[in-house]
Amino acid sequence: MSKKIINIDEPTTPRFEFRTFGYDFTDYNKKMAKLSLPVPDDIRVRTFDEIYVISKTIDDTNIKVKNDLLDIKKLIQVRDNLEQWNTIMKYDFPISKKLLMDEIFPALGADISIFRNDELNKKQFIMTVKRHKDLLAVPVQKQRHAYIINLTICEFAEVVIGNNYLYTVSVESTEAQEVIKTIQELNLDSFENINYIQAIKRVNDIISKPLAN
């Protein structure tokens, strides 16, 4: 009987995700490590430097600069306290003025004046975001530890959002019931589902809500 292959990097189907942020998830990391199936060495621990583009008015669009790409995800639905996000597009820099004005900035609920240039490189895009009154460009560093439990991808990560040192844990799968099952096994079901957008807004006092712990 063949085993179902779990692709950690690029899902072919949008995943259901539970994630939360706080200041202490050490015990949950230990439990994930204990329950996990073997994870390939090249993806067991990875480090990322990214810039999240945060809108003060929109919560359902996740845009970040990762390496030389602009990565855009959209919230499809919330079911059983799980969020399902779908990658809309990944754009290489430089990005055309037409695309920025017709699609990307409207997705953030942000009005933007006409650009002088016909396209923007990564640095110009980030500076445009920083100058906008309703947008933030927030640097996020991550050290991600991957686990596989049941048919879900789990993660414990050390995260630096601006000057805030946090931890996050997550469980995701294309199967919602598998996520719920794993959350319960890890005793994470008492925590609020907090995505990256919400975590960044909370530590930057855009919304006045606490983290999970």
N, C-alpha and C. Protein backbone atom coordinates (compact mmCIF):
# COMPACT_ATOMS: atom_id res chain seq x y z
N MET A 1 0.85 -1.20 0.00
CA MET A 1 0.00 0.00 0.00
C MET A 1 0.88 1.24 0.00
N SER A 2 0.64 2.14 -0.96
CA SER A 2 1.49 3.32 -1.06
C SER A 2 1.10 4.35 -0.01
N LYS A 3 2.09 5.12 0.43
CA LYS A 3 1.85 6.16 1.42
C LYS A 3 1.50 7.47 0.72
N LYS A 4 0.61 8.23 1.36
CA LYS A 4 0.27 9.53 0.83
C LYS A 4 1.45 10.47 1.03
N ILE A 5 1.87 11.16 -0.05
CA ILE A 5 3.01 12.06 0.01
C ILE A 5 2.53 13.45 0.43
N ILE A 6 3.18 14.02 1.42
CA ILE A 6 2.84 15.36 1.89
C ILE A 6 3.91 16.33 1.39
N ASN A 7 3.49 17.28 0.57
CA ASN A 7 4.40 18.28 0.01
C ASN A 7 4.41 19.50 0.93
N ILE A 8 5.52 19.72 1.60
CA ILE A 8 5.60 20.81 2.57
C ILE A 8 5.66 22.17 1.88
N ASP A 9 6.32 22.27 0.75
CA ASP A 9 6.57 23.57 0.14
C ASP A 9 5.42 24.12 -0.69
N GLU A 10 4.96 23.37 -1.69
CA GLU A 10 3.98 23.90 -2.62
C GLU A 10 2.76 23.00 -2.71
N PRO A 11 1.70 23.32 -2.01
CA PRO A 11 0.49 22.49 -2.08
C PRO A 11 -0.19 22.64 -3.42
N THR A 12 -0.74 21.55 -3.95
CA THR A 12 -1.50 21.62 -5.18
C THR A 12 -2.93 22.06 -4.92
N THR A 13 -3.38 21.91 -3.68
CA THR A 13 -4.72 22.32 -3.26
C THR A 13 -4.57 23.24 -2.05
N PRO A 14 -5.37 24.31 -1.97
CA PRO A 14 -5.27 25.20 -0.79
C PRO A 14 -5.46 24.43 0.51
N ARG A 15 -4.62 24.74 1.48
CA ARG A 15 -4.65 24.04 2.76
C ARG A 15 -5.52 24.76 3.77
N PHE A 16 -6.08 23.99 4.69
CA PHE A 16 -6.73 24.55 5.88
C PHE A 16 -5.63 24.73 6.92
N GLU A 17 -5.65 25.88 7.57
CA GLU A 17 -4.54 26.21 8.46
C GLU A 17 -5.03 26.72 9.81
N PHE A 18 -4.38 26.21 10.85
CA PHE A 18 -4.49 26.79 12.18
C PHE A 18 -3.10 27.29 12.56
N ARG A 19 -3.04 28.53 13.02
CA ARG A 19 -1.78 29.11 13.46
C ARG A 19 -2.05 30.02 14.65
N THR A 20 -1.10 30.08 15.54
CA THR A 20 -1.24 31.03 16.63
C THR A 20 0.13 31.58 17.00
N PHE A 21 0.14 32.74 17.66
CA PHE A 21 1.37 33.42 18.04
C PHE A 21 1.37 33.71 19.53
N GLY A 22 2.58 33.68 20.12
CA GLY A 22 2.71 34.02 21.52
C GLY A 22 4.17 34.13 21.91
N TYR A 23 4.42 34.06 23.22
CA TYR A 23 5.77 34.24 23.74
C TYR A 23 6.37 32.97 24.33
N ASP A 24 5.59 31.87 24.35
CA ASP A 24 6.12 30.63 24.91
C ASP A 24 5.35 29.43 24.36
N PHE A 25 5.98 28.72 23.43
CA PHE A 25 5.41 27.47 22.90
C PHE A 25 6.44 26.34 22.94
N THR A 26 7.36 26.41 23.89
CA THR A 26 8.44 25.42 23.98
C THR A 26 7.90 24.01 24.17
N ASP A 27 6.93 23.84 25.06
CA ASP A 27 6.39 22.50 25.31
C ASP A 27 5.70 21.93 24.07
N TYR A 28 5.08 22.78 23.28
CA TYR A 28 4.39 22.31 22.07
C TYR A 28 5.41 21.90 21.01
N ASN A 29 6.53 22.60 20.97
CA ASN A 29 7.59 22.20 20.06
C ASN A 29 8.11 20.82 20.41
N LYS A 30 8.30 20.56 21.69
CA LYS A 30 8.78 19.24 22.14
C LYS A 30 7.77 18.15 21.78
N LYS A 31 6.49 18.45 21.94
CA LYS A 31 5.47 17.46 21.65
C LYS A 31 5.40 17.18 20.15
N MET A 32 5.52 18.22 19.33
CA MET A 32 5.54 18.03 17.88
C MET A 32 6.72 17.14 17.47
N ALA A 33 7.88 17.41 18.04
CA ALA A 33 9.07 16.63 17.71
C ALA A 33 8.89 15.16 18.09
N LYS A 34 8.22 14.93 19.20
CA LYS A 34 8.00 13.56 19.68
C LYS A 34 7.04 12.79 18.78
N LEU A 35 6.01 13.45 18.28
CA LEU A 35 4.97 12.79 17.49
C LEU A 35 5.27 12.73 16.00
N SER A 36 6.26 13.50 15.55
CA SER A 36 6.48 13.67 14.12
C SER A 36 7.06 12.45 13.43
N LEU A 37 6.65 12.25 12.20
CA LEU A 37 7.33 11.33 11.30
C LEU A 37 8.65 11.96 10.88
N PRO A 38 9.58 11.18 10.31
CA PRO A 38 10.84 11.77 9.86
C PRO A 38 10.62 12.86 8.80
N VAL A 39 11.36 13.95 8.92
CA VAL A 39 11.29 15.06 7.97
C VAL A 39 12.63 15.16 7.25
N PRO A 40 12.65 15.33 5.93
CA PRO A 40 13.91 15.44 5.19
C PRO A 40 14.81 16.52 5.76
N ASP A 41 16.11 16.24 5.78
CA ASP A 41 17.07 17.16 6.41
C ASP A 41 17.03 18.56 5.82
N ASP A 42 16.80 18.68 4.50
CA ASP A 42 16.89 19.98 3.85
C ASP A 42 15.72 20.90 4.17
N ILE A 43 14.65 20.37 4.77
CA ILE A 43 13.51 21.22 5.11
C ILE A 43 13.15 21.16 6.60
N ARG A 44 13.95 20.43 7.36
CA ARG A 44 13.64 20.28 8.79
C ARG A 44 13.74 21.62 9.51
N VAL A 45 14.80 22.37 9.26
CA VAL A 45 14.97 23.70 9.84
C VAL A 45 15.39 24.65 8.73
N ARG A 46 14.62 25.72 8.55
CA ARG A 46 14.93 26.68 7.50
C ARG A 46 14.77 28.10 8.02
N THR A 47 15.55 29.02 7.44
CA THR A 47 15.53 30.41 7.84
C THR A 47 15.10 31.29 6.68
N PHE A 48 14.23 32.25 6.97
CA PHE A 48 13.70 33.13 5.93
C PHE A 48 13.76 34.58 6.40
N ASP A 49 14.04 35.48 5.47
CA ASP A 49 13.92 36.93 5.68
C ASP A 49 12.91 37.45 4.67
N GLU A 50 11.81 37.99 5.17
CA GLU A 50 10.73 38.43 4.30
C GLU A 50 10.25 39.81 4.72
N ILE A 51 9.51 40.45 3.85
CA ILE A 51 8.87 41.72 4.18
C ILE A 51 7.38 41.58 3.89
N TYR A 52 6.57 41.73 4.93
CA TYR A 52 5.12 41.65 4.78
C TYR A 52 4.57 43.05 4.49
N VAL A 53 3.67 43.11 3.52
CA VAL A 53 2.98 44.36 3.19
C VAL A 53 1.62 44.31 3.86
N ILE A 54 1.43 45.14 4.86
CA ILE A 54 0.24 45.11 5.69
C ILE A 54 -0.64 46.32 5.41
N SER A 55 -1.92 46.06 5.15
CA SER A 55 -2.90 47.12 4.99
C SER A 55 -3.63 47.32 6.31
N LYS A 56 -3.83 48.58 6.69
CA LYS A 56 -4.56 48.88 7.91
C LYS A 56 -6.05 48.61 7.76
N THR A 57 -6.52 48.44 6.52
CA THR A 57 -7.96 48.32 6.27
C THR A 57 -8.39 46.95 5.74
N ILE A 58 -7.44 46.11 5.35
CA ILE A 58 -7.77 44.82 4.73
C ILE A 58 -7.12 43.68 5.52
N ASP A 59 -7.87 42.60 5.76
CA ASP A 59 -7.34 41.45 6.51
C ASP A 59 -7.33 40.15 5.70
N ASP A 60 -7.86 40.17 4.50
CA ASP A 60 -8.02 38.91 3.76
C ASP A 60 -7.03 38.74 2.61
N THR A 61 -6.03 39.62 2.55
CA THR A 61 -5.01 39.52 1.50
C THR A 61 -3.64 39.56 2.13
N ASN A 62 -2.86 38.51 1.90
CA ASN A 62 -1.52 38.37 2.47
C ASN A 62 -0.51 38.60 1.36
N ILE A 63 0.21 39.71 1.44
CA ILE A 63 1.22 40.05 0.44
C ILE A 63 2.57 40.18 1.11
N LYS A 64 3.55 39.49 0.56
CA LYS A 64 4.90 39.59 1.12
C LYS A 64 5.94 39.55 0.02
N VAL A 65 7.08 40.16 0.33
CA VAL A 65 8.24 40.12 -0.56
C VAL A 65 9.17 39.04 -0.03
N LYS A 66 9.39 38.04 -0.86
CA LYS A 66 10.21 36.90 -0.48
C LYS A 66 11.26 36.69 -1.55
N ASN A 67 12.52 36.88 -1.18
CA ASN A 67 13.61 36.89 -2.16
C ASN A 67 13.31 37.98 -3.18
N ASP A 68 13.20 37.65 -4.46
CA ASP A 68 12.90 38.65 -5.48
C ASP A 68 11.51 38.47 -6.05
N LEU A 69 10.61 37.91 -5.23
CA LEU A 69 9.24 37.67 -5.66
C LEU A 69 8.25 38.43 -4.78
N LEU A 70 7.13 38.83 -5.38
CA LEU A 70 6.00 39.34 -4.63
C LEU A 70 4.97 38.22 -4.58
N ASP A 71 4.70 37.73 -3.38
CA ASP A 71 3.84 36.58 -3.16
C ASP A 71 2.50 37.07 -2.62
N ILE A 72 1.41 36.70 -3.31
CA ILE A 72 0.08 37.17 -2.92
C ILE A 72 -0.83 35.98 -2.63
N LYS A 73 -1.42 35.98 -1.42
CA LYS A 73 -2.38 34.95 -1.04
C LYS A 73 -3.69 35.60 -0.63
N LYS A 74 -4.77 34.91 -0.88
CA LYS A 74 -6.10 35.41 -0.57
C LYS A 74 -6.81 34.42 0.34
N LEU A 75 -7.51 34.95 1.36
CA LEU A 75 -8.30 34.10 2.24
C LEU A 75 -9.56 33.66 1.51
N ILE A 76 -9.72 32.33 1.35
CA ILE A 76 -10.86 31.79 0.64
C ILE A 76 -12.06 31.65 1.55
N GLN A 77 -11.82 31.03 2.71
CA GLN A 77 -12.93 30.79 3.64
C GLN A 77 -12.39 30.50 5.04
N VAL A 78 -13.29 30.61 6.02
CA VAL A 78 -13.00 30.18 7.38
C VAL A 78 -14.03 29.11 7.73
N ARG A 79 -13.52 27.92 8.08
CA ARG A 79 -14.41 26.81 8.41
C ARG A 79 -13.90 26.10 9.67
N ASP A 80 -14.80 25.92 10.64
CA ASP A 80 -14.43 25.24 11.89
C ASP A 80 -13.20 25.89 12.53
N ASN A 81 -13.15 27.21 12.48
CA ASN A 81 -12.05 27.98 13.07
C ASN A 81 -10.73 27.79 12.32
N LEU A 82 -10.77 27.23 11.12
CA LEU A 82 -9.58 27.06 10.29
C LEU A 82 -9.66 28.02 9.10
N GLU A 83 -8.51 28.54 8.72
CA GLU A 83 -8.46 29.45 7.58
C GLU A 83 -7.92 28.71 6.36
N GLN A 84 -8.51 28.97 5.21
CA GLN A 84 -8.03 28.38 3.96
C GLN A 84 -7.58 29.52 3.05
N TRP A 85 -6.28 29.53 2.77
CA TRP A 85 -5.67 30.56 1.93
C TRP A 85 -5.26 29.95 0.60
N ASN A 86 -5.30 30.76 -0.45
CA ASN A 86 -4.89 30.29 -1.77
C ASN A 86 -3.89 31.28 -2.36
N THR A 87 -2.81 30.75 -2.92
CA THR A 87 -1.84 31.60 -3.60
C THR A 87 -2.45 32.10 -4.90
N ILE A 88 -2.61 33.40 -5.01
CA ILE A 88 -3.19 34.00 -6.21
C ILE A 88 -2.15 34.12 -7.31
N MET A 89 -0.98 34.65 -6.95
CA MET A 89 0.05 34.86 -7.95
C MET A 89 1.38 35.15 -7.27
N LYS A 90 2.46 34.85 -7.99
CA LYS A 90 3.80 35.25 -7.57
C LYS A 90 4.41 36.03 -8.73
N TYR A 91 4.81 37.26 -8.43
CA TYR A 91 5.33 38.15 -9.46
C TYR A 91 6.82 38.37 -9.27
N ASP A 92 7.55 38.37 -10.36
CA ASP A 92 8.96 38.75 -10.35
C ASP A 92 9.06 40.27 -10.41
N PHE A 93 10.04 40.81 -9.70
CA PHE A 93 10.35 42.22 -9.86
C PHE A 93 11.26 42.39 -11.07
N PRO A 94 11.17 43.52 -11.77
CA PRO A 94 10.28 44.66 -11.54
C PRO A 94 8.85 44.35 -11.97
N ILE A 95 7.89 45.08 -11.37
CA ILE A 95 6.47 44.88 -11.63
C ILE A 95 5.92 46.12 -12.34
N SER A 96 5.10 45.90 -13.34
CA SER A 96 4.61 47.01 -14.17
C SER A 96 3.69 47.93 -13.38
N LYS A 97 3.68 49.20 -13.78
CA LYS A 97 2.79 50.19 -13.17
C LYS A 97 1.33 49.78 -13.33
N LYS A 98 0.97 49.25 -14.47
CA LYS A 98 -0.41 48.86 -14.72
C LYS A 98 -0.86 47.76 -13.74
N LEU A 99 0.00 46.76 -13.54
CA LEU A 99 -0.34 45.68 -12.62
C LEU A 99 -0.46 46.19 -11.19
N LEU A 100 0.42 47.07 -10.78
CA LEU A 100 0.37 47.63 -9.43
C LEU A 100 -0.90 48.44 -9.21
N MET A 101 -1.27 49.24 -10.19
CA MET A 101 -2.42 50.13 -10.03
C MET A 101 -3.75 49.43 -10.24
N ASP A 102 -3.75 48.41 -11.11
CA ASP A 102 -5.01 47.73 -11.44
C ASP A 102 -5.34 46.57 -10.51
N GLU A 103 -4.29 45.93 -9.94
CA GLU A 103 -4.54 44.71 -9.18
C GLU A 103 -3.94 44.71 -7.77
N ILE A 104 -2.66 45.01 -7.64
CA ILE A 104 -1.97 44.78 -6.37
C ILE A 104 -2.40 45.77 -5.29
N PHE A 105 -2.32 47.07 -5.57
CA PHE A 105 -2.72 48.04 -4.55
C PHE A 105 -4.23 48.02 -4.28
N PRO A 106 -5.08 47.83 -5.30
CA PRO A 106 -6.52 47.66 -4.98
C PRO A 106 -6.78 46.45 -4.07
N ALA A 107 -6.01 45.38 -4.21
CA ALA A 107 -6.19 44.21 -3.34
C ALA A 107 -5.90 44.55 -1.89
N LEU A 108 -5.10 45.59 -1.66
CA LEU A 108 -4.78 46.05 -0.31
C LEU A 108 -5.72 47.16 0.16
N GLY A 109 -6.68 47.51 -0.69
CA GLY A 109 -7.60 48.59 -0.33
C GLY A 109 -6.91 49.94 -0.27
N ALA A 110 -5.85 50.11 -1.07
CA ALA A 110 -5.04 51.32 -1.00
C ALA A 110 -5.11 52.10 -2.31
N ASP A 111 -5.51 53.36 -2.22
CA ASP A 111 -5.43 54.26 -3.37
C ASP A 111 -3.98 54.68 -3.55
N ILE A 112 -3.58 54.77 -4.79
CA ILE A 112 -2.18 55.11 -5.07
C ILE A 112 -2.13 56.11 -6.21
N SER A 113 -1.24 57.10 -6.10
CA SER A 113 -1.10 58.09 -7.16
C SER A 113 -0.34 57.48 -8.34
N ILE A 114 -0.36 58.17 -9.44
CA ILE A 114 0.30 57.66 -10.65
C ILE A 114 1.81 57.63 -10.44
N PHE A 115 2.43 56.52 -10.84
CA PHE A 115 3.87 56.38 -10.73
C PHE A 115 4.56 57.10 -11.88
N ARG A 116 5.74 57.62 -11.61
CA ARG A 116 6.53 58.21 -12.68
C ARG A 116 7.12 57.14 -13.58
N ASN A 117 7.52 56.02 -12.97
CA ASN A 117 8.15 54.96 -13.74
C ASN A 117 7.10 54.01 -14.31
N ASP A 118 7.44 53.33 -15.39
CA ASP A 118 6.55 52.34 -15.98
C ASP A 118 6.56 51.03 -15.20
N GLU A 119 7.57 50.84 -14.36
CA GLU A 119 7.66 49.64 -13.53
C GLU A 119 8.44 49.97 -12.28
N LEU A 120 8.25 49.15 -11.24
CA LEU A 120 8.95 49.34 -9.98
C LEU A 120 9.77 48.11 -9.64
N ASN A 121 11.02 48.34 -9.23
CA ASN A 121 11.83 47.23 -8.72
C ASN A 121 11.48 47.01 -7.24
N LYS A 122 12.13 46.05 -6.63
CA LYS A 122 11.78 45.69 -5.26
C LYS A 122 11.97 46.87 -4.30
N LYS A 123 13.07 47.55 -4.40
CA LYS A 123 13.35 48.68 -3.50
C LYS A 123 12.33 49.78 -3.70
N GLN A 124 12.00 50.10 -4.94
CA GLN A 124 11.02 51.15 -5.22
C GLN A 124 9.63 50.77 -4.70
N PHE A 125 9.28 49.50 -4.85
CA PHE A 125 7.98 49.04 -4.36
C PHE A 125 7.89 49.19 -2.85
N ILE A 126 8.92 48.75 -2.13
CA ILE A 126 8.91 48.84 -0.66
C ILE A 126 8.84 50.30 -0.21
N MET A 127 9.58 51.18 -0.88
CA MET A 127 9.54 52.60 -0.52
C MET A 127 8.16 53.20 -0.78
N THR A 128 7.49 52.77 -1.85
CA THR A 128 6.13 53.24 -2.14
C THR A 128 5.18 52.81 -1.03
N VAL A 129 5.32 51.57 -0.57
CA VAL A 129 4.49 51.06 0.53
C VAL A 129 4.75 51.87 1.79
N LYS A 130 6.00 52.12 2.11
CA LYS A 130 6.34 52.85 3.34
C LYS A 130 5.78 54.27 3.34
N ARG A 131 5.64 54.88 2.17
CA ARG A 131 5.15 56.25 2.09
C ARG A 131 3.62 56.35 2.17
N HIS A 132 2.95 55.20 2.03
CA HIS A 132 1.48 55.22 2.00
C HIS A 132 0.93 55.23 3.42
N LYS A 133 -0.05 56.06 3.68
CA LYS A 133 -0.57 56.23 5.04
C LYS A 133 -1.30 55.00 5.57
N ASP A 134 -1.81 54.14 4.68
CA ASP A 134 -2.58 52.97 5.12
C ASP A 134 -1.81 51.65 4.99
N LEU A 135 -0.53 51.72 4.66
CA LEU A 135 0.25 50.50 4.45
C LEU A 135 1.50 50.49 5.33
N LEU A 136 1.94 49.29 5.65
CA LEU A 136 3.20 49.09 6.37
C LEU A 136 4.03 48.06 5.62
N ALA A 137 5.33 48.26 5.60
CA ALA A 137 6.28 47.26 5.11
C ALA A 137 7.05 46.76 6.33
N VAL A 138 6.75 45.53 6.75
CA VAL A 138 7.26 45.03 8.03
C VAL A 138 8.25 43.88 7.80
N PRO A 139 9.51 44.04 8.20
CA PRO A 139 10.47 42.94 8.07
C PRO A 139 10.15 41.82 9.06
N VAL A 140 10.20 40.59 8.56
CA VAL A 140 9.91 39.42 9.39
C VAL A 140 10.99 38.37 9.14
N GLN A 141 11.67 37.99 10.21
CA GLN A 141 12.66 36.92 10.14
C GLN A 141 12.07 35.66 10.80
N LYS A 142 12.30 34.52 10.17
CA LYS A 142 11.73 33.27 10.67
C LYS A 142 12.79 32.17 10.69
N GLN A 143 12.80 31.41 11.76
CA GLN A 143 13.50 30.13 11.76
C GLN A 143 12.44 29.06 11.98
N ARG A 144 12.16 28.30 10.93
CA ARG A 144 11.02 27.39 10.92
C ARG A 144 11.47 25.95 11.12
N HIS A 145 10.80 25.26 12.03
CA HIS A 145 11.06 23.85 12.31
C HIS A 145 9.85 23.04 11.84
N ALA A 146 10.05 22.16 10.88
CA ALA A 146 8.94 21.44 10.26
C ALA A 146 8.75 20.05 10.86
N TYR A 147 7.49 19.66 11.00
CA TYR A 147 7.13 18.33 11.50
C TYR A 147 5.98 17.79 10.65
N ILE A 148 5.84 16.48 10.64
CA ILE A 148 4.71 15.83 9.98
C ILE A 148 4.01 14.93 10.99
N ILE A 149 2.77 15.26 11.30
CA ILE A 149 1.99 14.52 12.29
C ILE A 149 0.64 14.17 11.66
N ASN A 150 0.27 12.88 11.73
CA ASN A 150 -0.91 12.40 11.03
C ASN A 150 -0.73 12.73 9.54
N LEU A 151 -1.70 13.37 8.92
CA LEU A 151 -1.54 13.81 7.54
C LEU A 151 -1.44 15.33 7.46
N THR A 152 -0.82 15.92 8.49
CA THR A 152 -0.70 17.37 8.54
C THR A 152 0.76 17.81 8.59
N ILE A 153 0.99 19.03 8.13
CA ILE A 153 2.29 19.68 8.24
C ILE A 153 2.23 20.61 9.45
N CYS A 154 3.13 20.40 10.38
CA CYS A 154 3.16 21.21 11.60
C CYS A 154 4.44 22.03 11.63
N GLU A 155 4.38 23.12 12.34
CA GLU A 155 5.53 24.00 12.40
C GLU A 155 5.64 24.67 13.76
N PHE A 156 6.86 24.78 14.23
CA PHE A 156 7.22 25.65 15.34
C PHE A 156 8.25 26.62 14.78
N ALA A 157 8.05 27.91 15.01
CA ALA A 157 8.99 28.88 14.44
C ALA A 157 9.31 29.99 15.43
N GLU A 158 10.57 30.37 15.42
CA GLU A 158 11.01 31.57 16.12
C GLU A 158 10.89 32.72 15.13
N VAL A 159 10.17 33.76 15.52
CA VAL A 159 9.83 34.83 14.58
C VAL A 159 10.20 36.19 15.17
N VAL A 160 10.84 37.02 14.37
CA VAL A 160 11.11 38.40 14.76
C VAL A 160 10.30 39.29 13.83
N ILE A 161 9.33 40.01 14.39
CA ILE A 161 8.50 40.95 13.64
C ILE A 161 8.91 42.35 14.04
N GLY A 162 9.64 43.02 13.18
CA GLY A 162 10.21 44.31 13.57
C GLY A 162 11.16 44.12 14.72
N ASN A 163 10.83 44.64 15.90
CA ASN A 163 11.66 44.45 17.10
C ASN A 163 11.02 43.49 18.10
N ASN A 164 10.02 42.75 17.67
CA ASN A 164 9.28 41.86 18.56
C ASN A 164 9.69 40.41 18.32
N TYR A 165 10.19 39.76 19.37
CA TYR A 165 10.62 38.36 19.28
C TYR A 165 9.48 37.48 19.76
N LEU A 166 8.94 36.66 18.84
CA LEU A 166 7.77 35.84 19.14
C LEU A 166 8.00 34.39 18.75
N TYR A 167 7.02 33.56 19.08
CA TYR A 167 6.97 32.18 18.61
C TYR A 167 5.63 31.94 17.95
N THR A 168 5.62 31.05 16.97
CA THR A 168 4.37 30.65 16.35
C THR A 168 4.36 29.14 16.17
N VAL A 169 3.18 28.55 16.28
CA VAL A 169 2.98 27.13 15.98
C VAL A 169 1.82 27.03 15.00
N SER A 170 1.90 26.06 14.10
CA SER A 170 0.84 25.92 13.11
C SER A 170 0.62 24.47 12.75
N VAL A 171 -0.59 24.20 12.24
CA VAL A 171 -0.96 22.88 11.73
C VAL A 171 -1.74 23.13 10.45
N GLU A 172 -1.39 22.45 9.37
CA GLU A 172 -2.12 22.66 8.12
C GLU A 172 -2.19 21.39 7.29
N SER A 173 -3.23 21.33 6.48
CA SER A 173 -3.46 20.18 5.60
C SER A 173 -4.57 20.55 4.62
N THR A 174 -4.64 19.84 3.52
CA THR A 174 -5.76 20.01 2.61
C THR A 174 -7.03 19.41 3.18
N GLU A 175 -6.89 18.59 4.23
CA GLU A 175 -8.04 17.95 4.88
C GLU A 175 -8.31 18.63 6.22
N ALA A 176 -9.45 19.33 6.32
CA ALA A 176 -9.76 20.08 7.54
C ALA A 176 -9.83 19.19 8.77
N GLN A 177 -10.43 18.00 8.64
CA GLN A 177 -10.58 17.12 9.79
C GLN A 177 -9.24 16.64 10.33
N GLU A 178 -8.26 16.49 9.46
CA GLU A 178 -6.92 16.10 9.92
C GLU A 178 -6.29 17.20 10.74
N VAL A 179 -6.53 18.45 10.35
CA VAL A 179 -6.01 19.58 11.11
C VAL A 179 -6.65 19.62 12.49
N ILE A 180 -7.97 19.47 12.54
CA ILE A 180 -8.68 19.48 13.82
C ILE A 180 -8.19 18.36 14.73
N LYS A 181 -8.02 17.18 14.17
CA LYS A 181 -7.53 16.03 14.93
C LYS A 181 -6.15 16.31 15.53
N THR A 182 -5.26 16.86 14.72
CA THR A 182 -3.89 17.11 15.19
C THR A 182 -3.86 18.24 16.22
N ILE A 183 -4.65 19.28 16.03
CA ILE A 183 -4.74 20.36 17.01
C ILE A 183 -5.14 19.80 18.37
N GLN A 184 -6.11 18.91 18.36
CA GLN A 184 -6.58 18.32 19.62
C GLN A 184 -5.50 17.45 20.26
N GLU A 185 -4.78 16.68 19.46
CA GLU A 185 -3.71 15.84 20.00
C GLU A 185 -2.59 16.67 20.61
N LEU A 186 -2.35 17.85 20.03
CA LEU A 186 -1.29 18.72 20.54
C LEU A 186 -1.77 19.65 21.65
N ASN A 187 -3.07 19.58 21.97
CA ASN A 187 -3.67 20.46 22.98
C ASN A 187 -3.55 21.94 22.62
N LEU A 188 -3.70 22.22 21.33
CA LEU A 188 -3.67 23.60 20.85
C LEU A 188 -5.06 24.19 20.67
N ASP A 189 -6.09 23.39 20.90
CA ASP A 189 -7.44 23.81 20.57
C ASP A 189 -7.99 24.91 21.49
N SER A 190 -7.30 25.23 22.56
CA SER A 190 -7.76 26.31 23.43
C SER A 190 -7.24 27.68 22.97
N PHE A 191 -6.33 27.68 21.99
CA PHE A 191 -5.73 28.93 21.53
C PHE A 191 -6.50 29.53 20.36
N GLU A 192 -6.44 30.85 20.27
CA GLU A 192 -7.05 31.57 19.15
C GLU A 192 -6.23 31.34 17.88
N ASN A 193 -6.93 31.23 16.76
CA ASN A 193 -6.27 31.14 15.45
C ASN A 193 -5.83 32.56 15.06
N ILE A 194 -4.52 32.78 15.02
CA ILE A 194 -3.97 34.10 14.72
C ILE A 194 -3.02 33.97 13.54
N ASN A 195 -3.33 34.57 12.42
CA ASN A 195 -2.46 34.49 11.25
C ASN A 195 -1.39 35.59 11.30
N TYR A 196 -0.50 35.59 10.30
CA TYR A 196 0.59 36.56 10.29
C TYR A 196 0.09 38.00 10.22
N ILE A 197 -0.94 38.24 9.43
CA ILE A 197 -1.46 39.60 9.33
C ILE A 197 -1.92 40.09 10.69
N GLN A 198 -2.69 39.26 11.39
CA GLN A 198 -3.20 39.65 12.70
C GLN A 198 -2.07 39.83 13.72
N ALA A 199 -1.09 38.94 13.69
CA ALA A 199 0.03 39.05 14.63
C ALA A 199 0.79 40.35 14.42
N ILE A 200 1.06 40.68 13.16
CA ILE A 200 1.79 41.91 12.85
C ILE A 200 0.98 43.13 13.28
N LYS A 201 -0.32 43.11 13.05
CA LYS A 201 -1.16 44.24 13.45
C LYS A 201 -1.21 44.39 14.97
N ARG A 202 -1.21 43.27 15.67
CA ARG A 202 -1.30 43.34 17.13
C ARG A 202 -0.02 43.89 17.76
N VAL A 203 1.13 43.45 17.28
CA VAL A 203 2.37 43.94 17.89
C VAL A 203 2.69 45.37 17.45
N ASN A 204 2.03 45.83 16.37
CA ASN A 204 2.22 47.21 15.92
C ASN A 204 1.08 48.12 16.37
N ASP A 205 0.22 47.60 17.27
CA ASP A 205 -0.87 48.40 17.86
C ASP A 205 -1.86 48.94 16.83
N ILE A 206 -1.99 48.24 15.70
CA ILE A 206 -3.01 48.61 14.72
C ILE A 206 -4.37 48.11 15.20
N ILE A 207 -4.35 46.96 15.85
CA ILE A 207 -5.55 46.46 16.53
C ILE A 207 -5.16 46.15 17.98
N SER A 208 -6.09 46.38 18.89
CA SER A 208 -5.78 46.22 20.32
C SER A 208 -6.26 44.87 20.82
N LYS A 209 -5.55 43.83 20.39
CA LYS A 209 -5.83 42.48 20.86
C LYS A 209 -4.51 41.83 21.27
N PRO A 210 -4.54 40.96 22.29
CA PRO A 210 -3.31 40.29 22.71
C PRO A 210 -2.99 39.10 21.82
N LEU A 211 -1.80 38.57 21.98
CA LEU A 211 -1.44 37.32 21.34
C LEU A 211 -1.95 36.17 22.20
N ALA A 212 -1.66 34.94 21.82
CA ALA A 212 -2.24 33.77 22.49
C ALA A 212 -1.71 33.59 23.90
N ASN A 213 -0.46 33.93 24.15
CA ASN A 213 0.08 33.85 25.51
C ASN A 213 1.25 34.83 25.66
